[in-house]
């Protein structure tokens, strides 16, 4: 039996002394020592400064110290092709996988997100919106621009959709995972494609197209359904989707409720609560005490407790306009019913005589 080959260690991309403390190229009139960059002058000059390195996934990826630590983030310098530590790095040197889970408050590199985007749509991004689309500008316009963009950006993850504006040299690339879009934005910033252009890679603004919004909402629903499917047992999923023949036969019998040819729909069969028809749906909603229903003559059913029977028998069967059931309810409510005092009978010859005269 051949031994299992371990994954190779990550290689250093640059020499340790490559990342020195040399100031950036002058692009303005005043150098800010706090932010280590030039202020004022031509802002576009900084955007057209070519990157110092480029990541090669097939050659540079490998295991690091971060692979043994749960919840490790990806190396930002590795994405830019400038990490000198190799296997000794405390961050991951590989691409985000489809099952990579990152907190919505940070990006895949562990940097904190903000509530809104920058004015130039650069930076880390926003935690209020899941953005999987990057904007690519300054592309050299050629006849095969679509193939060039797809070839270069497919290196950073699975792509869902690519839209290229040939006449303007602009492209929009949408990845399946947001983590791959974050990785691609840093890896392709200030890079070149097949020509000597310097790309301007930014986050894409929200697409105002109603079809795009509906497509994004449908994707989020499918993603949530897939997460629920992975969390539930396989036999339960098979029963819901009708892939288990035994469960299908069992449901057909149980959901008929004694009616030939009837099968209850999902909203009735899987309903839960005290009024659910399915006995399994009523579990946990049982009432501890339930009064016995009274029949028309005011007597309880045969399952009435003996104490209630004695109390029922001790009550008079009829008292004027009140029935025995009414008196039973009044006695339980502890309401005193007083009878109207009787008018004393008059004696003498002037019975029922009335006059306003005093005489």
Protein backbone atom coordinates (compact mmCIF):
# COMPACT_ATOMS: atom_id res chain seq x y z
CA UNK A 1 0.00 0.00 0.00
CA UNK A 2 1.48 3.31 -1.04
CA UNK A 3 1.99 5.88 1.73
CA UNK A 4 -0.28 8.91 1.82
CA UNK A 5 1.51 11.94 0.41
CA UNK A 6 1.26 14.99 2.58
CA UNK A 7 0.50 18.38 1.13
CA UNK A 8 3.62 20.36 0.39
CA UNK A 9 4.65 23.31 2.57
CA UNK A 10 4.01 26.82 1.34
CA UNK A 11 7.01 28.42 -0.29
CA UNK A 12 8.20 31.97 0.44
CA UNK A 13 7.11 34.23 -2.39
CA UNK A 14 9.76 36.93 -1.88
CA UNK A 15 12.96 37.38 0.11
CA UNK A 16 12.61 38.80 3.64
CA UNK A 17 14.54 41.95 2.75
CA UNK A 18 12.30 42.60 -0.28
CA UNK A 19 9.68 44.31 1.86
CA UNK A 20 11.89 47.07 3.18
CA UNK A 21 10.93 50.41 4.61
CA UNK A 22 11.48 52.28 1.39
CA UNK A 23 8.90 55.01 0.80
CA UNK A 24 6.35 54.56 -1.95
CA UNK A 25 6.93 56.28 -5.29
CA UNK A 26 6.14 59.96 -5.27
CA UNK A 27 2.65 60.65 -6.53
CA UNK A 28 1.87 63.89 -4.69
CA UNK A 29 3.35 67.03 -3.21
CA UNK A 30 3.35 66.18 0.54
CA UNK A 31 4.44 62.90 2.15
CA UNK A 32 2.35 61.78 5.14
CA UNK A 33 4.65 59.90 7.55
CA UNK A 34 1.67 58.63 9.58
CA UNK A 35 0.00 56.85 6.66
CA UNK A 36 3.24 56.31 4.71
CA UNK A 37 1.88 57.73 1.47
CA UNK A 38 1.84 60.89 -0.60
CA UNK A 39 -0.94 63.44 -0.29
CA UNK A 40 -2.08 65.90 -2.93
CA UNK A 41 -0.99 65.92 -6.51
CA UNK A 42 -2.34 63.48 -9.07
CA UNK A 43 -4.54 60.85 -7.47
CA UNK A 44 -4.61 58.77 -10.66
CA UNK A 45 -0.86 58.37 -10.55
CA UNK A 46 -1.12 56.08 -7.53
CA UNK A 47 -3.81 54.02 -9.23
CA UNK A 48 -1.51 53.43 -12.21
CA UNK A 49 1.39 52.16 -10.09
CA UNK A 50 1.98 48.53 -10.98
CA UNK A 51 1.96 45.89 -8.22
CA UNK A 52 5.31 44.55 -6.99
CA UNK A 53 4.30 40.89 -6.99
CA UNK A 54 1.64 38.46 -8.13
CA UNK A 55 0.35 35.27 -6.50
CA UNK A 56 0.69 31.99 -8.37
CA UNK A 57 -1.72 29.52 -6.77
CA UNK A 58 -0.29 26.43 -8.49
CA UNK A 59 3.22 27.24 -7.32
CA UNK A 60 2.88 29.18 -4.04
CA UNK A 61 0.02 27.46 -2.17
CA UNK A 62 0.76 24.94 0.57
CA UNK A 63 0.28 24.24 4.27
CA UNK A 64 1.32 26.70 6.98
CA UNK A 65 1.04 26.93 10.75
CA UNK A 66 -2.49 28.26 10.32
CA UNK A 67 -3.77 24.94 8.91
CA UNK A 68 -3.67 23.44 12.39
CA UNK A 69 -5.61 26.32 13.97
CA UNK A 70 -9.39 26.42 13.60
CA UNK A 71 -10.83 29.68 12.28
CA UNK A 72 -7.61 30.94 10.69
CA UNK A 73 -7.85 33.66 8.05
CA UNK A 74 -6.09 33.94 4.70
CA UNK A 75 -2.80 35.74 4.21
CA UNK A 76 -3.17 39.15 2.60
CA UNK A 77 0.48 39.24 1.54
CA UNK A 78 0.09 35.78 -0.02
CA UNK A 79 -2.81 37.06 -2.13
CA UNK A 80 -0.61 39.92 -3.32
CA UNK A 81 2.35 37.59 -3.94
CA UNK A 82 4.54 39.23 -1.29
CA UNK A 83 4.65 36.84 1.71
CA UNK A 84 8.25 36.02 2.75
CA UNK A 85 7.40 33.56 5.56
CA UNK A 86 6.15 30.54 3.61
CA UNK A 87 5.29 27.57 5.85
CA UNK A 88 6.03 29.63 8.98
CA UNK A 89 3.19 32.05 8.24
CA UNK A 90 0.32 32.14 10.74
CA UNK A 91 -2.23 32.68 7.95
CA UNK A 92 -3.54 30.34 5.26
CA UNK A 93 -1.71 30.12 1.93
CA UNK A 94 -4.44 28.76 -0.30
CA UNK A 95 -7.71 29.76 -1.96
CA UNK A 96 -11.02 29.89 -0.06
CA UNK A 97 -13.00 26.69 -0.57
CA UNK A 98 -16.77 26.48 -1.20
CA UNK A 99 -17.31 25.37 2.41
CA UNK A 100 -15.30 28.27 3.85
CA UNK A 101 -17.34 30.13 6.48
CA UNK A 102 -16.25 33.66 7.36
CA UNK A 103 -17.92 36.00 9.84
CA UNK A 104 -19.93 38.72 8.07
CA UNK A 105 -18.16 41.38 10.15
CA UNK A 106 -14.72 40.64 8.67
CA UNK A 107 -13.37 39.70 5.26
CA UNK A 108 -11.47 36.51 4.46
CA UNK A 109 -8.22 38.18 5.57
CA UNK A 110 -9.61 39.01 9.02
CA UNK A 111 -9.97 42.76 8.42
CA UNK A 112 -12.97 44.50 9.99
CA UNK A 113 -15.68 45.61 7.60
CA UNK A 114 -17.58 48.89 7.82
CA UNK A 115 -21.24 49.82 7.57
CA UNK A 116 -20.77 51.48 4.19
CA UNK A 117 -18.44 51.44 1.20
CA UNK A 118 -15.81 54.03 0.49
CA UNK A 119 -16.57 56.69 -2.08
CA UNK A 120 -14.26 55.01 -4.59
CA UNK A 121 -15.72 51.52 -3.77
CA UNK A 122 -12.31 50.34 -2.59
CA UNK A 123 -11.24 49.06 0.80
CA UNK A 124 -12.55 46.12 2.77
CA UNK A 125 -16.27 46.47 2.07
CA UNK A 126 -19.53 46.58 4.02
CA UNK A 127 -21.07 44.08 6.41
CA UNK A 128 -24.59 45.24 5.45
CA UNK A 129 -24.41 43.70 1.98
CA UNK A 130 -23.01 40.44 0.64
CA UNK A 131 -21.05 41.57 -2.40
CA UNK A 132 -19.68 38.88 -4.72
CA UNK A 133 -19.00 41.11 -7.75
CA UNK A 134 -15.79 43.01 -8.49
CA UNK A 135 -15.40 45.83 -10.97
CA UNK A 136 -12.37 45.76 -13.29
CA UNK A 137 -11.38 48.92 -15.15
CA UNK A 138 -8.61 50.01 -17.50
CA UNK A 139 -8.65 46.75 -19.48
CA UNK A 140 -6.83 46.88 -22.80
CA UNK A 141 -9.55 46.52 -25.43
CA UNK A 142 -9.02 43.64 -27.85
CA UNK A 143 -11.23 41.29 -29.83
CA UNK A 144 -10.79 38.46 -27.29
CA UNK A 145 -11.28 40.56 -24.17
CA UNK A 146 -13.94 38.20 -22.77
CA UNK A 147 -11.63 35.19 -22.95
CA UNK A 148 -8.74 37.11 -21.37
CA UNK A 149 -10.82 38.30 -18.40
CA UNK A 150 -12.32 34.85 -17.81
CA UNK A 151 -8.91 33.16 -17.93
CA UNK A 152 -7.21 35.50 -15.47
CA UNK A 153 -10.02 35.82 -12.93
CA UNK A 154 -11.04 32.15 -12.94
CA UNK A 155 -7.76 31.44 -11.14
CA UNK A 156 -9.20 32.82 -7.86
CA UNK A 157 -12.36 30.77 -7.57
CA UNK A 158 -15.51 29.55 -9.26
CA UNK A 159 -17.18 32.27 -11.33
CA UNK A 160 -20.93 32.59 -11.61
CA UNK A 161 -21.22 35.35 -14.21
CA UNK A 162 -18.98 37.64 -16.29
CA UNK A 163 -20.12 40.79 -18.05
CA UNK A 164 -17.69 42.69 -20.27
CA UNK A 165 -18.24 46.13 -21.82
CA UNK A 166 -15.91 45.89 -24.80
CA UNK A 167 -16.06 49.49 -25.90
CA UNK A 168 -15.24 50.87 -22.44
CA UNK A 169 -12.66 48.32 -21.31
CA UNK A 170 -14.69 47.45 -18.21
CA UNK A 171 -15.74 44.07 -16.80
CA UNK A 172 -17.85 42.79 -13.91
CA UNK A 173 -16.97 39.37 -12.47
CA UNK A 174 -19.35 37.67 -10.02
CA UNK A 175 -18.00 34.79 -7.95
CA UNK A 176 -20.02 32.02 -6.33
CA UNK A 177 -18.48 32.76 -2.92
CA UNK A 178 -17.94 36.20 -1.39
CA UNK A 179 -14.61 35.05 0.09
CA UNK A 180 -13.28 34.31 -3.40
CA UNK A 181 -14.35 37.77 -4.56
CA UNK A 182 -12.46 39.33 -1.63
CA UNK A 183 -9.38 37.27 -2.48
CA UNK A 184 -9.56 38.15 -6.20
CA UNK A 185 -9.93 41.87 -5.48
CA UNK A 186 -6.64 41.94 -3.57
CA UNK A 187 -4.83 39.50 -5.88
CA UNK A 188 -5.64 41.41 -9.09
CA UNK A 189 -5.30 44.99 -7.81
CA UNK A 190 -2.78 46.92 -9.96
CA UNK A 191 -2.04 43.79 -11.99
CA UNK A 192 -1.86 43.35 -15.76
CA UNK A 193 -3.63 40.91 -18.04
CA UNK A 194 -2.09 39.93 -21.38
CA UNK A 195 -0.99 43.51 -22.02
CA UNK A 196 0.91 46.07 -19.99
CA UNK A 197 -2.17 47.79 -18.56
CA UNK A 198 -2.64 48.48 -14.81
CA UNK A 199 -6.04 47.25 -13.66
CA UNK A 200 -8.33 49.24 -11.42
CA UNK A 201 -10.16 46.63 -9.30
CA UNK A 202 -12.97 47.84 -7.04
CA UNK A 203 -16.18 46.57 -5.50
CA UNK A 204 -19.15 46.75 -7.84
CA UNK A 205 -22.14 48.86 -6.91
CA UNK A 206 -25.54 47.23 -6.50
CA UNK A 207 -27.12 46.29 -9.80
CA UNK A 208 -30.37 48.28 -10.29
CA UNK A 209 -31.70 45.70 -12.74
CA UNK A 210 -34.85 44.06 -11.22
CA UNK A 211 -33.90 40.72 -12.77
CA UNK A 212 -30.49 40.86 -11.08
CA UNK A 213 -32.09 41.63 -7.72
CA UNK A 214 -34.54 38.76 -8.12
CA UNK A 215 -31.69 36.45 -9.06
CA UNK A 216 -29.73 37.48 -5.97
CA UNK A 217 -32.75 36.97 -3.70
CA UNK A 218 -33.32 33.52 -5.21
CA UNK A 219 -29.66 32.64 -4.67
CA UNK A 220 -29.85 33.63 -0.99
CA UNK A 221 -32.95 31.46 -0.55
CA UNK A 222 -31.23 28.51 -2.19
CA UNK A 223 -28.17 29.02 -0.01
CA UNK A 224 -30.32 29.02 3.13
CA UNK A 225 -32.17 25.90 1.98
CA UNK A 226 -28.86 24.15 1.34
CA UNK A 227 -27.64 25.06 4.84
CA UNK A 228 -30.83 23.64 6.36
CA UNK A 229 -30.49 20.51 4.24
CA UNK A 230 -26.98 19.91 5.57
CA UNK A 231 -28.14 20.42 9.17
CA UNK A 232 -31.06 17.96 9.04
CA UNK A 233 -30.72 14.14 9.06
CA UNK A 234 -30.47 12.47 5.67
CA UNK A 235 -33.48 10.20 6.27
CA UNK A 236 -35.65 13.21 7.15
CA UNK A 237 -34.61 15.04 3.98
CA UNK A 238 -35.32 11.90 1.92
CA UNK A 239 -38.80 11.67 3.47
CA UNK A 240 -39.63 15.32 2.74
CA UNK A 241 -38.37 15.16 -0.83
CA UNK A 242 -40.18 11.86 -1.46
CA UNK A 243 -37.00 9.88 -2.20
CA UNK A 244 -37.66 7.22 0.46
CA UNK A 245 -40.27 4.73 -0.88
CA UNK A 246 -41.07 3.28 2.55
CA UNK A 247 -41.62 6.73 4.03
CA UNK A 248 -43.78 7.61 1.03
CA UNK A 249 -46.02 4.59 1.61
CA UNK A 250 -46.22 5.31 5.33
CA UNK A 251 -47.22 8.91 4.73
CA UNK A 252 -49.85 7.90 2.19
CA UNK A 253 -51.49 5.71 4.80
CA UNK A 254 -51.17 8.15 7.69
CA UNK A 255 -52.27 11.24 5.77
CA UNK A 256 -55.46 9.64 4.47
CA UNK A 257 -57.05 9.85 7.96
CA UNK A 258 -59.43 7.06 7.05
CA UNK A 259 -60.65 8.69 3.84
CA UNK A 260 -60.15 6.58 0.77
CA UNK A 261 -58.24 8.34 -1.99
CA UNK A 262 -57.36 11.37 0.16
CA UNK A 263 -53.83 12.52 0.97
CA UNK A 264 -53.29 15.59 3.14
CA UNK A 265 -51.00 18.31 1.73
CA UNK A 266 -47.74 19.30 3.40
CA UNK A 267 -49.19 22.27 5.30
CA UNK A 268 -51.69 19.93 7.01
CA UNK A 269 -49.55 16.83 7.41
CA UNK A 270 -46.58 18.68 8.93
CA UNK A 271 -48.66 21.20 10.93
CA UNK A 272 -47.84 21.59 14.63
CA UNK A 273 -49.92 22.87 17.51
CA UNK A 274 -52.86 21.86 19.69
CA UNK A 275 -55.21 21.86 16.67
CA UNK A 276 -52.95 19.76 14.42
CA UNK A 277 -54.56 16.73 12.81
CA UNK A 278 -51.37 14.73 12.73
CA UNK A 279 -50.79 13.17 16.20
CA UNK A 280 -47.04 13.81 15.91
CA UNK A 281 -47.73 17.51 15.46
CA UNK A 282 -49.68 17.70 18.71
CA UNK A 283 -46.82 16.35 20.81
CA UNK A 284 -45.73 18.95 23.33
CA UNK A 285 -48.98 20.94 23.02
CA UNK A 286 -51.16 18.78 25.29
CA UNK A 287 -53.38 20.62 27.80
CA UNK A 288 -52.89 19.52 31.41
CA UNK A 289 -56.55 20.01 32.38
CA UNK A 290 -59.57 20.06 30.15
CA UNK A 291 -63.12 20.40 31.38
CA UNK A 292 -65.59 17.78 30.28
CA UNK A 293 -68.09 18.92 27.69
CA UNK A 294 -71.68 19.25 28.90
CA UNK A 295 -74.47 17.57 27.00
CA UNK A 296 -77.80 19.18 26.35
CA UNK A 297 -79.52 18.14 29.59
CA UNK A 298 -76.70 19.68 31.64
CA UNK A 299 -75.09 16.43 32.82
CA UNK A 300 -71.44 15.57 32.27
CA UNK A 301 -70.13 12.61 30.32
CA UNK A 302 -69.47 9.21 31.75
CA UNK A 303 -65.83 10.06 32.39
CA UNK A 304 -66.73 12.80 34.94
CA UNK A 305 -64.87 12.46 38.22
CA UNK A 306 -66.98 11.26 41.21
CA UNK A 307 -66.60 14.55 43.11
CA UNK A 308 -68.09 16.47 40.21
CA UNK A 309 -70.94 13.95 40.00
CA UNK A 310 -71.80 14.44 43.67
CA UNK A 311 -71.74 18.22 43.27
CA UNK A 312 -73.91 17.94 40.17
CA UNK A 313 -76.43 15.72 41.97
CA UNK A 314 -76.59 18.05 45.00
CA UNK A 315 -77.74 20.94 42.80
CA UNK A 316 -81.48 21.40 42.23
CA UNK A 317 -82.64 20.24 38.85
CA UNK A 318 -84.66 23.38 38.18
CA UNK A 319 -85.07 26.71 39.85
CA UNK A 320 -87.35 29.08 38.02
CA UNK A 321 -85.92 30.30 34.72
CA UNK A 322 -82.39 28.94 35.45
CA UNK A 323 -81.52 25.48 34.23
CA UNK A 324 -79.36 23.08 36.16
CA UNK A 325 -76.38 23.67 33.83
CA UNK A 326 -76.61 27.42 34.43
CA UNK A 327 -76.71 26.94 38.19
CA UNK A 328 -73.71 24.64 37.94
CA UNK A 329 -71.73 27.30 36.09
CA UNK A 330 -72.78 29.95 38.60
CA UNK A 331 -71.75 27.78 41.52
CA UNK A 332 -68.29 27.24 40.00
CA UNK A 333 -67.92 31.00 39.51
CA UNK A 334 -68.97 31.57 43.15
CA UNK A 335 -71.60 34.13 42.20
CA UNK A 336 -74.38 34.66 44.73
CA UNK A 337 -77.83 34.89 43.15
CA UNK A 338 -80.31 36.57 45.44
CA UNK A 339 -84.01 36.16 44.88
CA UNK A 340 -86.36 39.17 44.81
CA UNK A 341 -88.08 39.71 48.20
CA UNK A 342 -91.75 38.91 48.12
CA UNK A 343 -94.24 41.80 48.57
CA UNK A 344 -96.20 41.40 51.83
CA UNK A 345 -99.89 40.70 51.28
CA UNK A 346 -102.24 43.56 52.14
CA UNK A 347 -105.30 43.10 54.39
CA UNK A 348 -108.49 45.13 54.66
CA UNK A 349 -111.10 46.41 52.27
CA UNK A 350 -108.83 48.78 50.30
CA UNK A 351 -106.74 46.19 48.51
CA UNK A 352 -104.85 47.61 45.50
CA UNK A 353 -106.43 51.03 46.05
CA UNK A 354 -104.39 54.07 45.13
CA UNK A 355 -105.23 57.81 45.27
CA UNK A 356 -103.38 61.12 45.30
CA UNK A 357 -105.80 62.75 47.76
CA UNK A 358 -104.91 62.81 51.39
CA UNK A 359 -108.48 62.45 52.47
